[in-house]
Amino acid sequence: MAARTNSDKAAGPIARVLRDLLMPVAMKLLAKPEKMAWQYDYRIDWDEPVGGTAARPQMTVSGSGPA
């Protein structure tokens, strides 16, 4: 039963051809480096001292605001 479930997820022969033809075009149109820059350009200042617990906002479970 697991093999049947897994094979149902696999692309058929026509879908594989379409995927292989359309993926390069889609990646050129949609994958822009500037959209992901916020993740890759972030730099950690390793020499900056770490703040204590006062640097972090306190959260409550009830959602009524800071404790």
N, C-alpha and C. Protein backbone atom coordinates (compact mmCIF):
# COMPACT_ATOMS: atom_id res chain seq x y z
N MET A 1 0.83 -1.19 0.00
CA MET A 1 0.00 0.00 0.00
C MET A 1 0.88 1.26 0.00
N ALA A 2 1.98 1.23 0.73
CA ALA A 2 2.88 2.39 0.75
C ALA A 2 3.49 2.62 -0.63
N ALA A 3 3.85 1.57 -1.33
CA ALA A 3 4.42 1.72 -2.67
C ALA A 3 3.40 2.36 -3.61
N ARG A 4 2.14 1.99 -3.48
CA ARG A 4 1.11 2.58 -4.33
C ARG A 4 0.93 4.06 -4.00
N THR A 5 0.96 4.40 -2.73
CA THR A 5 0.84 5.80 -2.33
C THR A 5 2.00 6.61 -2.87
N ASN A 6 3.20 6.08 -2.79
CA ASN A 6 4.37 6.79 -3.29
C ASN A 6 4.34 6.94 -4.80
N SER A 7 3.90 5.92 -5.51
CA SER A 7 3.87 6.02 -6.96
C SER A 7 2.79 6.99 -7.42
N ASP A 8 1.75 7.17 -6.62
CA ASP A 8 0.72 8.15 -6.97
C ASP A 8 1.26 9.57 -6.91
N LYS A 9 2.28 9.80 -6.12
CA LYS A 9 2.87 11.14 -5.98
C LYS A 9 3.81 11.47 -7.13
N ALA A 10 4.34 10.45 -7.81
CA ALA A 10 5.32 10.65 -8.87
C ALA A 10 4.65 11.25 -10.10
N ALA A 11 5.38 12.13 -10.78
CA ALA A 11 4.87 12.73 -12.00
C ALA A 11 4.84 11.70 -13.12
N GLY A 12 3.81 11.75 -13.93
CA GLY A 12 3.71 10.86 -15.08
C GLY A 12 4.65 11.31 -16.18
N PRO A 13 4.68 10.57 -17.30
CA PRO A 13 5.63 10.91 -18.37
C PRO A 13 5.37 12.29 -18.99
N ILE A 14 4.12 12.67 -19.16
CA ILE A 14 3.83 13.98 -19.74
C ILE A 14 4.17 15.09 -18.75
N ALA A 15 3.82 14.87 -17.50
CA ALA A 15 4.13 15.87 -16.47
C ALA A 15 5.63 16.04 -16.30
N ARG A 16 6.39 14.96 -16.42
CA ARG A 16 7.86 15.07 -16.31
C ARG A 16 8.42 15.93 -17.43
N VAL A 17 7.93 15.73 -18.65
CA VAL A 17 8.43 16.51 -19.79
C VAL A 17 8.07 17.98 -19.61
N LEU A 18 6.82 18.24 -19.22
CA LEU A 18 6.40 19.63 -19.00
C LEU A 18 7.20 20.29 -17.88
N ARG A 19 7.41 19.55 -16.79
CA ARG A 19 8.19 20.09 -15.67
C ARG A 19 9.60 20.44 -16.13
N ASP A 20 10.22 19.54 -16.87
CA ASP A 20 11.59 19.77 -17.30
C ASP A 20 11.71 20.92 -18.30
N LEU A 21 10.64 21.15 -19.07
CA LEU A 21 10.66 22.27 -20.01
C LEU A 21 10.36 23.61 -19.33
N LEU A 22 9.43 23.60 -18.39
CA LEU A 22 8.98 24.85 -17.78
C LEU A 22 9.83 25.32 -16.59
N MET A 23 10.48 24.41 -15.92
CA MET A 23 11.23 24.80 -14.72
C MET A 23 12.34 25.81 -15.00
N PRO A 24 13.17 25.63 -16.03
CA PRO A 24 14.20 26.65 -16.28
C PRO A 24 13.61 28.03 -16.57
N VAL A 25 12.50 28.07 -17.30
CA VAL A 25 11.87 29.35 -17.60
C VAL A 25 11.32 29.98 -16.33
N ALA A 26 10.65 29.17 -15.51
CA ALA A 26 10.08 29.68 -14.26
C ALA A 26 11.18 30.18 -13.33
N MET A 27 12.28 29.47 -13.25
CA MET A 27 13.36 29.89 -12.36
C MET A 27 13.98 31.21 -12.82
N LYS A 28 14.10 31.39 -14.13
CA LYS A 28 14.65 32.66 -14.63
C LYS A 28 13.71 33.83 -14.34
N LEU A 29 12.41 33.58 -14.40
CA LEU A 29 11.45 34.65 -14.18
C LEU A 29 11.20 34.93 -12.71
N LEU A 30 11.19 33.89 -11.88
CA LEU A 30 10.75 34.05 -10.50
C LEU A 30 11.88 34.10 -9.46
N ALA A 31 12.97 33.43 -9.72
CA ALA A 31 14.05 33.36 -8.73
C ALA A 31 14.99 34.55 -8.92
N LYS A 32 14.72 35.61 -8.20
CA LYS A 32 15.54 36.82 -8.27
C LYS A 32 16.43 36.89 -7.02
N PRO A 33 17.71 37.12 -7.21
CA PRO A 33 18.62 37.18 -6.05
C PRO A 33 18.22 38.24 -5.03
N GLU A 34 17.67 39.36 -5.49
CA GLU A 34 17.32 40.43 -4.55
C GLU A 34 16.16 40.02 -3.63
N LYS A 35 15.35 39.06 -4.04
CA LYS A 35 14.27 38.60 -3.17
C LYS A 35 14.79 37.79 -1.99
N MET A 36 15.93 37.15 -2.16
CA MET A 36 16.50 36.32 -1.09
C MET A 36 17.65 37.01 -0.37
N ALA A 37 17.96 38.24 -0.76
CA ALA A 37 19.11 38.94 -0.19
C ALA A 37 19.00 39.11 1.31
N TRP A 38 17.78 39.31 1.83
CA TRP A 38 17.62 39.52 3.27
C TRP A 38 18.11 38.32 4.07
N GLN A 39 18.07 37.14 3.49
CA GLN A 39 18.55 35.95 4.20
C GLN A 39 20.06 35.81 4.11
N TYR A 40 20.59 36.07 2.93
CA TYR A 40 22.00 35.81 2.70
C TYR A 40 22.90 36.98 3.05
N ASP A 41 22.37 38.19 3.10
CA ASP A 41 23.19 39.36 3.40
C ASP A 41 23.28 39.67 4.89
N TYR A 42 22.52 38.97 5.71
CA TYR A 42 22.56 39.23 7.16
C TYR A 42 23.90 38.77 7.72
N ARG A 43 24.53 39.63 8.48
CA ARG A 43 25.83 39.30 9.07
C ARG A 43 25.72 39.44 10.58
N ILE A 44 26.30 38.50 11.28
CA ILE A 44 26.31 38.51 12.74
C ILE A 44 27.58 39.20 13.21
N ASP A 45 27.43 40.15 14.13
CA ASP A 45 28.58 40.81 14.73
C ASP A 45 29.00 39.97 15.93
N TRP A 46 29.98 39.12 15.73
CA TRP A 46 30.39 38.18 16.76
C TRP A 46 31.06 38.87 17.95
N ASP A 47 31.55 40.10 17.75
CA ASP A 47 32.21 40.82 18.84
C ASP A 47 31.23 41.60 19.71
N GLU A 48 29.98 41.73 19.29
CA GLU A 48 28.98 42.46 20.06
C GLU A 48 28.59 41.64 21.29
N PRO A 49 28.59 42.27 22.47
CA PRO A 49 28.22 41.51 23.68
C PRO A 49 26.74 41.13 23.64
N VAL A 50 26.45 40.00 24.23
CA VAL A 50 25.08 39.50 24.28
C VAL A 50 24.38 40.15 25.46
N GLY A 51 23.17 40.67 25.19
CA GLY A 51 22.40 41.30 26.25
C GLY A 51 21.79 40.24 27.16
N GLY A 52 21.41 40.64 28.35
CA GLY A 52 20.77 39.72 29.29
C GLY A 52 19.31 39.50 28.92
N THR A 53 18.54 39.05 29.86
CA THR A 53 17.13 38.78 29.60
C THR A 53 16.35 40.07 29.38
N ALA A 54 16.88 41.21 29.79
CA ALA A 54 16.20 42.48 29.59
C ALA A 54 16.14 42.85 28.10
N ALA A 55 17.03 42.29 27.30
CA ALA A 55 17.05 42.60 25.87
C ALA A 55 15.92 41.92 25.13
N ARG A 56 15.36 40.85 25.69
CA ARG A 56 14.28 40.11 25.03
C ARG A 56 12.92 40.55 25.57
N PRO A 57 11.94 40.73 24.70
CA PRO A 57 10.61 41.07 25.20
C PRO A 57 10.00 39.87 25.91
N GLN A 58 9.28 40.15 26.97
CA GLN A 58 8.63 39.07 27.71
C GLN A 58 7.26 38.84 27.13
N MET A 59 6.92 37.58 26.92
CA MET A 59 5.64 37.25 26.34
C MET A 59 4.84 36.42 27.35
N THR A 60 3.56 36.58 27.33
CA THR A 60 2.70 35.81 28.22
C THR A 60 1.86 34.85 27.39
N VAL A 61 1.41 33.80 28.00
CA VAL A 61 0.60 32.81 27.32
C VAL A 61 -0.78 33.36 27.02
N SER A 62 -1.31 34.17 27.91
CA SER A 62 -2.68 34.66 27.75
C SER A 62 -2.80 35.69 26.63
N GLY A 63 -1.69 36.26 26.21
CA GLY A 63 -1.72 37.27 25.15
C GLY A 63 -2.13 38.64 25.64
N SER A 64 -2.09 38.87 26.95
CA SER A 64 -2.52 40.15 27.51
C SER A 64 -1.42 41.19 27.48
N GLY A 65 -0.25 40.85 26.98
CA GLY A 65 0.82 41.82 26.89
C GLY A 65 1.99 41.44 27.76
N PRO A 66 2.98 42.34 27.89
CA PRO A 66 4.17 42.05 28.67
C PRO A 66 3.82 41.82 30.15
N ALA A 67 4.61 40.96 30.75
CA ALA A 67 4.38 40.62 32.17
C ALA A 67 4.94 41.69 33.07
